[in-house]
Amino acid sequence: MSEAANATAVCTRSDGWWAIEVPEIPGLFSQARRLDQVEAMVRDAAGMLGVTVGSVTIDPRLDEDTQRMVDDLFAKRAAARKAQDEASRLARSTVAALRGEGLTVRDVATVTGVSPQRVSALQDA
């Protein structure tokens, strides 16, 4: 059997199925109902062709509008993670500054709108 380090499973919707093509392995075509079944189908089909597959990258091909929505979803998630990280840093700095000014944990909680327990956790972080 020959060895193929990588296989890219290009998946396109067709009549309720994912049609699978692997460009790195000529003649490898298959289908699956769900994307989580694609890797097994690629390995099976490759085996029938005498090819051993190392890793399988699944590349679902979506229509342009849907792909744009998926891309936007990932961008918004990344922006939300970044904003959450910045808010967490700011919360720690704010708690430290307010405690440094002599405010009690309960006063800091009231000023920042979090629980006293959260203030304690933030100042210990």
N, C-alpha and C. Protein backbone atom coordinates (compact mmCIF):
# COMPACT_ATOMS: atom_id res chain seq x y z
N MET A 1 0.84 -1.20 0.00
CA MET A 1 0.00 0.00 0.00
C MET A 1 0.88 1.24 0.00
N SER A 2 0.50 2.24 -0.77
CA SER A 2 1.24 3.49 -0.76
C SER A 2 0.70 4.37 0.36
N GLU A 3 1.48 5.36 0.76
CA GLU A 3 1.12 6.22 1.89
C GLU A 3 0.80 7.62 1.40
N ALA A 4 -0.31 8.17 1.87
CA ALA A 4 -0.67 9.55 1.57
C ALA A 4 -0.74 10.27 2.91
N ALA A 5 0.15 11.21 3.14
CA ALA A 5 0.22 11.90 4.44
C ALA A 5 -1.05 12.68 4.72
N ASN A 6 -1.55 13.38 3.73
CA ASN A 6 -2.74 14.21 3.91
C ASN A 6 -3.78 13.89 2.85
N ALA A 7 -5.03 14.03 3.26
CA ALA A 7 -6.13 13.90 2.31
C ALA A 7 -7.11 15.02 2.62
N THR A 8 -7.48 15.76 1.60
CA THR A 8 -8.48 16.81 1.75
C THR A 8 -9.79 16.31 1.16
N ALA A 9 -10.79 16.15 2.03
CA ALA A 9 -12.09 15.68 1.59
C ALA A 9 -12.94 16.89 1.23
N VAL A 10 -13.07 17.16 -0.06
CA VAL A 10 -13.90 18.25 -0.55
C VAL A 10 -15.34 17.74 -0.58
N CYS A 11 -16.20 18.35 0.24
CA CYS A 11 -17.57 17.87 0.43
C CYS A 11 -18.58 18.88 -0.10
N THR A 12 -19.45 18.42 -0.98
CA THR A 12 -20.47 19.26 -1.59
C THR A 12 -21.83 18.62 -1.38
N ARG A 13 -22.83 19.42 -1.00
CA ARG A 13 -24.18 18.89 -0.80
C ARG A 13 -24.79 18.46 -2.12
N SER A 14 -25.44 17.27 -2.07
CA SER A 14 -26.10 16.75 -3.26
C SER A 14 -27.24 15.84 -2.83
N ASP A 15 -28.47 16.29 -3.02
CA ASP A 15 -29.66 15.49 -2.71
C ASP A 15 -29.65 14.90 -1.30
N GLY A 16 -29.35 15.73 -0.31
CA GLY A 16 -29.38 15.28 1.07
C GLY A 16 -28.13 14.54 1.52
N TRP A 17 -27.14 14.42 0.65
CA TRP A 17 -25.89 13.75 0.97
C TRP A 17 -24.73 14.74 0.81
N TRP A 18 -23.61 14.38 1.37
CA TRP A 18 -22.36 15.09 1.08
C TRP A 18 -21.61 14.25 0.05
N ALA A 19 -21.41 14.80 -1.12
CA ALA A 19 -20.58 14.14 -2.14
C ALA A 19 -19.13 14.45 -1.79
N ILE A 20 -18.29 13.43 -1.75
CA ILE A 20 -16.91 13.57 -1.30
C ILE A 20 -15.96 13.29 -2.45
N GLU A 21 -15.00 14.18 -2.60
CA GLU A 21 -13.91 13.97 -3.56
C GLU A 21 -12.60 14.30 -2.86
N VAL A 22 -11.58 13.49 -3.10
CA VAL A 22 -10.27 13.74 -2.52
C VAL A 22 -9.29 13.97 -3.67
N PRO A 23 -8.95 15.22 -3.95
CA PRO A 23 -8.09 15.52 -5.10
C PRO A 23 -6.71 14.85 -5.04
N GLU A 24 -6.19 14.63 -3.83
CA GLU A 24 -4.85 14.02 -3.72
C GLU A 24 -4.84 12.54 -4.10
N ILE A 25 -6.02 11.92 -4.13
CA ILE A 25 -6.10 10.50 -4.47
C ILE A 25 -7.03 10.36 -5.68
N PRO A 26 -6.46 10.30 -6.87
CA PRO A 26 -7.28 10.21 -8.09
C PRO A 26 -8.26 9.03 -8.01
N GLY A 27 -9.51 9.31 -8.35
CA GLY A 27 -10.53 8.29 -8.36
C GLY A 27 -11.22 8.07 -7.03
N LEU A 28 -10.82 8.82 -5.99
CA LEU A 28 -11.49 8.64 -4.71
C LEU A 28 -12.71 9.54 -4.64
N PHE A 29 -13.85 8.90 -4.71
CA PHE A 29 -15.14 9.56 -4.58
C PHE A 29 -15.96 8.73 -3.61
N SER A 30 -16.74 9.40 -2.78
CA SER A 30 -17.62 8.70 -1.85
C SER A 30 -18.76 9.63 -1.50
N GLN A 31 -19.55 9.23 -0.53
CA GLN A 31 -20.63 10.09 -0.04
C GLN A 31 -20.90 9.75 1.42
N ALA A 32 -21.48 10.71 2.13
CA ALA A 32 -21.85 10.52 3.53
C ALA A 32 -23.08 11.37 3.83
N ARG A 33 -23.85 10.92 4.79
CA ARG A 33 -25.02 11.71 5.22
C ARG A 33 -24.60 12.92 6.02
N ARG A 34 -23.57 12.72 6.88
CA ARG A 34 -23.14 13.79 7.78
C ARG A 34 -21.64 14.00 7.67
N LEU A 35 -21.20 15.21 7.98
CA LEU A 35 -19.78 15.51 7.89
C LEU A 35 -18.94 14.71 8.88
N ASP A 36 -19.53 14.33 10.03
CA ASP A 36 -18.76 13.55 10.99
C ASP A 36 -18.52 12.11 10.50
N GLN A 37 -19.12 11.73 9.39
CA GLN A 37 -18.90 10.41 8.81
C GLN A 37 -17.89 10.43 7.66
N VAL A 38 -17.49 11.62 7.26
CA VAL A 38 -16.64 11.77 6.07
C VAL A 38 -15.28 11.10 6.24
N GLU A 39 -14.62 11.31 7.37
CA GLU A 39 -13.28 10.74 7.54
C GLU A 39 -13.29 9.23 7.38
N ALA A 40 -14.25 8.55 8.01
CA ALA A 40 -14.34 7.09 7.89
C ALA A 40 -14.59 6.67 6.45
N MET A 41 -15.43 7.42 5.75
CA MET A 41 -15.73 7.08 4.36
C MET A 41 -14.48 7.25 3.48
N VAL A 42 -13.71 8.31 3.73
CA VAL A 42 -12.48 8.54 2.96
C VAL A 42 -11.49 7.42 3.22
N ARG A 43 -11.32 7.04 4.49
CA ARG A 43 -10.37 5.97 4.82
C ARG A 43 -10.80 4.65 4.18
N ASP A 44 -12.09 4.37 4.22
CA ASP A 44 -12.63 3.15 3.59
C ASP A 44 -12.35 3.14 2.09
N ALA A 45 -12.73 4.22 1.43
CA ALA A 45 -12.57 4.31 -0.02
C ALA A 45 -11.08 4.27 -0.40
N ALA A 46 -10.24 4.92 0.38
CA ALA A 46 -8.80 4.92 0.10
C ALA A 46 -8.25 3.50 0.23
N GLY A 47 -8.71 2.78 1.25
CA GLY A 47 -8.27 1.40 1.44
C GLY A 47 -8.61 0.53 0.24
N MET A 48 -9.80 0.75 -0.33
CA MET A 48 -10.21 -0.02 -1.50
C MET A 48 -9.33 0.30 -2.71
N LEU A 49 -8.73 1.49 -2.69
CA LEU A 49 -7.82 1.88 -3.78
C LEU A 49 -6.37 1.55 -3.46
N GLY A 50 -6.14 0.92 -2.30
CA GLY A 50 -4.79 0.55 -1.91
C GLY A 50 -3.97 1.70 -1.36
N VAL A 51 -4.63 2.72 -0.82
CA VAL A 51 -3.93 3.89 -0.30
C VAL A 51 -4.21 4.00 1.20
N THR A 52 -3.16 4.24 1.97
CA THR A 52 -3.32 4.50 3.40
C THR A 52 -3.30 6.00 3.61
N VAL A 53 -4.30 6.50 4.32
CA VAL A 53 -4.44 7.93 4.55
C VAL A 53 -3.95 8.27 5.95
N GLY A 54 -3.11 9.30 6.05
CA GLY A 54 -2.64 9.76 7.36
C GLY A 54 -3.69 10.63 8.02
N SER A 55 -3.77 11.87 7.62
CA SER A 55 -4.75 12.80 8.20
C SER A 55 -5.76 13.20 7.14
N VAL A 56 -6.98 13.48 7.61
CA VAL A 56 -8.05 13.88 6.69
C VAL A 56 -8.54 15.26 7.10
N THR A 57 -8.47 16.20 6.18
CA THR A 57 -9.03 17.53 6.39
C THR A 57 -10.37 17.58 5.66
N ILE A 58 -11.40 17.97 6.40
CA ILE A 58 -12.73 18.04 5.80
C ILE A 58 -12.99 19.47 5.35
N ASP A 59 -13.29 19.63 4.07
CA ASP A 59 -13.49 20.94 3.46
C ASP A 59 -14.91 21.02 2.89
N PRO A 60 -15.90 21.38 3.75
CA PRO A 60 -17.26 21.50 3.24
C PRO A 60 -17.40 22.71 2.33
N ARG A 61 -17.96 22.52 1.16
CA ARG A 61 -18.19 23.62 0.22
C ARG A 61 -19.65 24.04 0.33
N LEU A 62 -19.86 25.28 0.70
CA LEU A 62 -21.21 25.82 0.89
C LEU A 62 -21.49 26.86 -0.17
N ASP A 63 -22.77 27.18 -0.37
CA ASP A 63 -23.07 28.25 -1.32
C ASP A 63 -22.52 29.56 -0.75
N GLU A 64 -22.35 30.52 -1.62
CA GLU A 64 -21.67 31.77 -1.26
C GLU A 64 -22.32 32.49 -0.08
N ASP A 65 -23.65 32.60 -0.06
CA ASP A 65 -24.34 33.30 1.02
C ASP A 65 -24.16 32.58 2.36
N THR A 66 -24.29 31.26 2.34
CA THR A 66 -24.13 30.49 3.57
C THR A 66 -22.69 30.56 4.06
N GLN A 67 -21.73 30.47 3.15
CA GLN A 67 -20.33 30.56 3.56
C GLN A 67 -20.03 31.92 4.16
N ARG A 68 -20.63 32.97 3.62
CA ARG A 68 -20.45 34.31 4.16
C ARG A 68 -20.98 34.37 5.60
N MET A 69 -22.14 33.74 5.84
CA MET A 69 -22.70 33.71 7.19
C MET A 69 -21.79 32.95 8.15
N VAL A 70 -21.26 31.82 7.71
CA VAL A 70 -20.36 31.03 8.56
C VAL A 70 -19.10 31.84 8.87
N ASP A 71 -18.54 32.49 7.86
CA ASP A 71 -17.35 33.32 8.07
C ASP A 71 -17.64 34.44 9.06
N ASP A 72 -18.81 35.07 8.92
CA ASP A 72 -19.21 36.15 9.82
C ASP A 72 -19.38 35.61 11.24
N LEU A 73 -19.95 34.43 11.38
CA LEU A 73 -20.11 33.80 12.69
C LEU A 73 -18.76 33.63 13.37
N PHE A 74 -17.78 33.08 12.65
CA PHE A 74 -16.46 32.88 13.23
C PHE A 74 -15.80 34.22 13.58
N ALA A 75 -15.97 35.22 12.74
CA ALA A 75 -15.39 36.54 13.02
C ALA A 75 -16.03 37.15 14.27
N LYS A 76 -17.34 37.04 14.39
CA LYS A 76 -18.04 37.59 15.57
C LYS A 76 -17.63 36.85 16.84
N ARG A 77 -17.49 35.53 16.75
CA ARG A 77 -17.04 34.77 17.93
C ARG A 77 -15.64 35.20 18.35
N ALA A 78 -14.75 35.39 17.39
CA ALA A 78 -13.39 35.82 17.70
C ALA A 78 -13.40 37.21 18.34
N ALA A 79 -14.23 38.11 17.79
CA ALA A 79 -14.33 39.46 18.35
C ALA A 79 -14.90 39.42 19.77
N ALA A 80 -15.88 38.54 20.00
CA ALA A 80 -16.47 38.42 21.33
C ALA A 80 -15.45 37.90 22.34
N ARG A 81 -14.64 36.90 21.93
CA ARG A 81 -13.58 36.38 22.82
C ARG A 81 -12.59 37.49 23.16
N LYS A 82 -12.21 38.26 22.15
CA LYS A 82 -11.26 39.35 22.37
C LYS A 82 -11.86 40.39 23.31
N ALA A 83 -13.11 40.76 23.10
CA ALA A 83 -13.78 41.74 23.96
C ALA A 83 -13.89 41.21 25.39
N GLN A 84 -14.20 39.91 25.54
CA GLN A 84 -14.30 39.32 26.88
C GLN A 84 -12.94 39.33 27.58
N ASP A 85 -11.88 39.03 26.85
CA ASP A 85 -10.53 39.07 27.43
C ASP A 85 -10.18 40.49 27.89
N GLU A 86 -10.51 41.48 27.06
CA GLU A 86 -10.24 42.87 27.42
C GLU A 86 -11.06 43.29 28.63
N ALA A 87 -12.34 42.88 28.68
CA ALA A 87 -13.20 43.21 29.82
C ALA A 87 -12.66 42.57 31.10
N SER A 88 -12.17 41.35 31.01
CA SER A 88 -11.62 40.67 32.18
C SER A 88 -10.38 41.39 32.70
N ARG A 89 -9.51 41.81 31.79
CA ARG A 89 -8.31 42.57 32.21
C ARG A 89 -8.72 43.88 32.86
N LEU A 90 -9.68 44.56 32.25
CA LEU A 90 -10.14 45.84 32.79
C LEU A 90 -10.80 45.65 34.15
N ALA A 91 -11.56 44.59 34.32
CA ALA A 91 -12.21 44.31 35.61
C ALA A 91 -11.16 44.11 36.70
N ARG A 92 -10.12 43.34 36.41
CA ARG A 92 -9.05 43.13 37.41
C ARG A 92 -8.37 44.45 37.76
N SER A 93 -8.07 45.25 36.74
CA SER A 93 -7.40 46.55 36.97
C SER A 93 -8.29 47.48 37.78
N THR A 94 -9.57 47.50 37.45
CA THR A 94 -10.52 48.38 38.15
C THR A 94 -10.66 47.97 39.61
N VAL A 95 -10.80 46.67 39.85
CA VAL A 95 -10.90 46.19 41.23
C VAL A 95 -9.64 46.55 42.00
N ALA A 96 -8.48 46.35 41.39
CA ALA A 96 -7.22 46.68 42.07
C ALA A 96 -7.15 48.17 42.38
N ALA A 97 -7.55 49.00 41.43
CA ALA A 97 -7.50 50.46 41.65
C ALA A 97 -8.46 50.88 42.76
N LEU A 98 -9.68 50.36 42.73
CA LEU A 98 -10.67 50.73 43.75
C LEU A 98 -10.27 50.22 45.13
N ARG A 99 -9.77 49.01 45.20
CA ARG A 99 -9.30 48.49 46.48
C ARG A 99 -8.09 49.29 46.96
N GLY A 100 -7.25 49.70 46.00
CA GLY A 100 -6.08 50.54 46.34
C GLY A 100 -6.48 51.88 46.90
N GLU A 101 -7.66 52.36 46.53
CA GLU A 101 -8.18 53.62 47.06
C GLU A 101 -8.86 53.44 48.41
N GLY A 102 -8.88 52.19 48.91
CA GLY A 102 -9.43 51.94 50.22
C GLY A 102 -10.88 51.52 50.25
N LEU A 103 -11.51 51.29 49.10
CA LEU A 103 -12.89 50.85 49.09
C LEU A 103 -12.98 49.41 49.59
N THR A 104 -14.06 49.10 50.30
CA THR A 104 -14.28 47.74 50.77
C THR A 104 -14.69 46.86 49.59
N VAL A 105 -14.62 45.56 49.82
CA VAL A 105 -15.03 44.61 48.79
C VAL A 105 -16.48 44.86 48.41
N ARG A 106 -17.33 45.11 49.40
CA ARG A 106 -18.76 45.34 49.11
C ARG A 106 -18.96 46.64 48.33
N ASP A 107 -18.19 47.68 48.66
CA ASP A 107 -18.31 48.94 47.91
C ASP A 107 -17.84 48.75 46.46
N VAL A 108 -16.75 48.01 46.28
CA VAL A 108 -16.26 47.74 44.92
C VAL A 108 -17.32 46.95 44.14
N ALA A 109 -17.97 46.01 44.81
CA ALA A 109 -19.02 45.22 44.16
C ALA A 109 -20.15 46.12 43.70
N THR A 110 -20.55 47.05 44.55
CA THR A 110 -21.64 47.96 44.19
C THR A 110 -21.23 48.86 43.02
N VAL A 111 -20.03 49.38 43.07
CA VAL A 111 -19.56 50.29 42.01
C VAL A 111 -19.43 49.57 40.67
N THR A 112 -18.93 48.33 40.69
CA THR A 112 -18.66 47.63 39.43
C THR A 112 -19.81 46.73 38.97
N GLY A 113 -20.82 46.54 39.83
CA GLY A 113 -21.97 45.74 39.42
C GLY A 113 -21.73 44.25 39.42
N VAL A 114 -20.80 43.78 40.24
CA VAL A 114 -20.57 42.34 40.38
C VAL A 114 -20.75 41.95 41.84
N SER A 115 -20.75 40.67 42.11
CA SER A 115 -20.92 40.21 43.49
C SER A 115 -19.64 40.42 44.29
N PRO A 116 -19.76 40.52 45.61
CA PRO A 116 -18.56 40.60 46.44
C PRO A 116 -17.63 39.40 46.23
N GLN A 117 -18.21 38.23 45.99
CA GLN A 117 -17.38 37.04 45.73
C GLN A 117 -16.56 37.22 44.46
N ARG A 118 -17.18 37.83 43.45
CA ARG A 118 -16.46 38.05 42.19
C ARG A 118 -15.34 39.07 42.39
N VAL A 119 -15.61 40.10 43.20
CA VAL A 119 -14.57 41.10 43.50
C VAL A 119 -13.38 40.38 44.15
N SER A 120 -13.65 39.52 45.12
CA SER A 120 -12.58 38.78 45.79
C SER A 120 -11.81 37.92 44.81
N ALA A 121 -12.52 37.25 43.91
CA ALA A 121 -11.85 36.42 42.91
C ALA A 121 -10.99 37.27 41.98
N LEU A 122 -11.50 38.43 41.60
CA LEU A 122 -10.75 39.31 40.68
C LEU A 122 -9.50 39.87 41.34
N GLN A 123 -9.59 40.19 42.63
CA GLN A 123 -8.41 40.77 43.27
C GLN A 123 -7.37 39.70 43.56
N ASP A 124 -7.79 38.43 43.61
CA ASP A 124 -6.85 37.34 43.85
C ASP A 124 -6.24 36.82 42.55
N ALA A 125 -6.79 37.26 41.40
CA ALA A 125 -6.31 36.75 40.11
C ALA A 125 -5.00 37.37 39.70
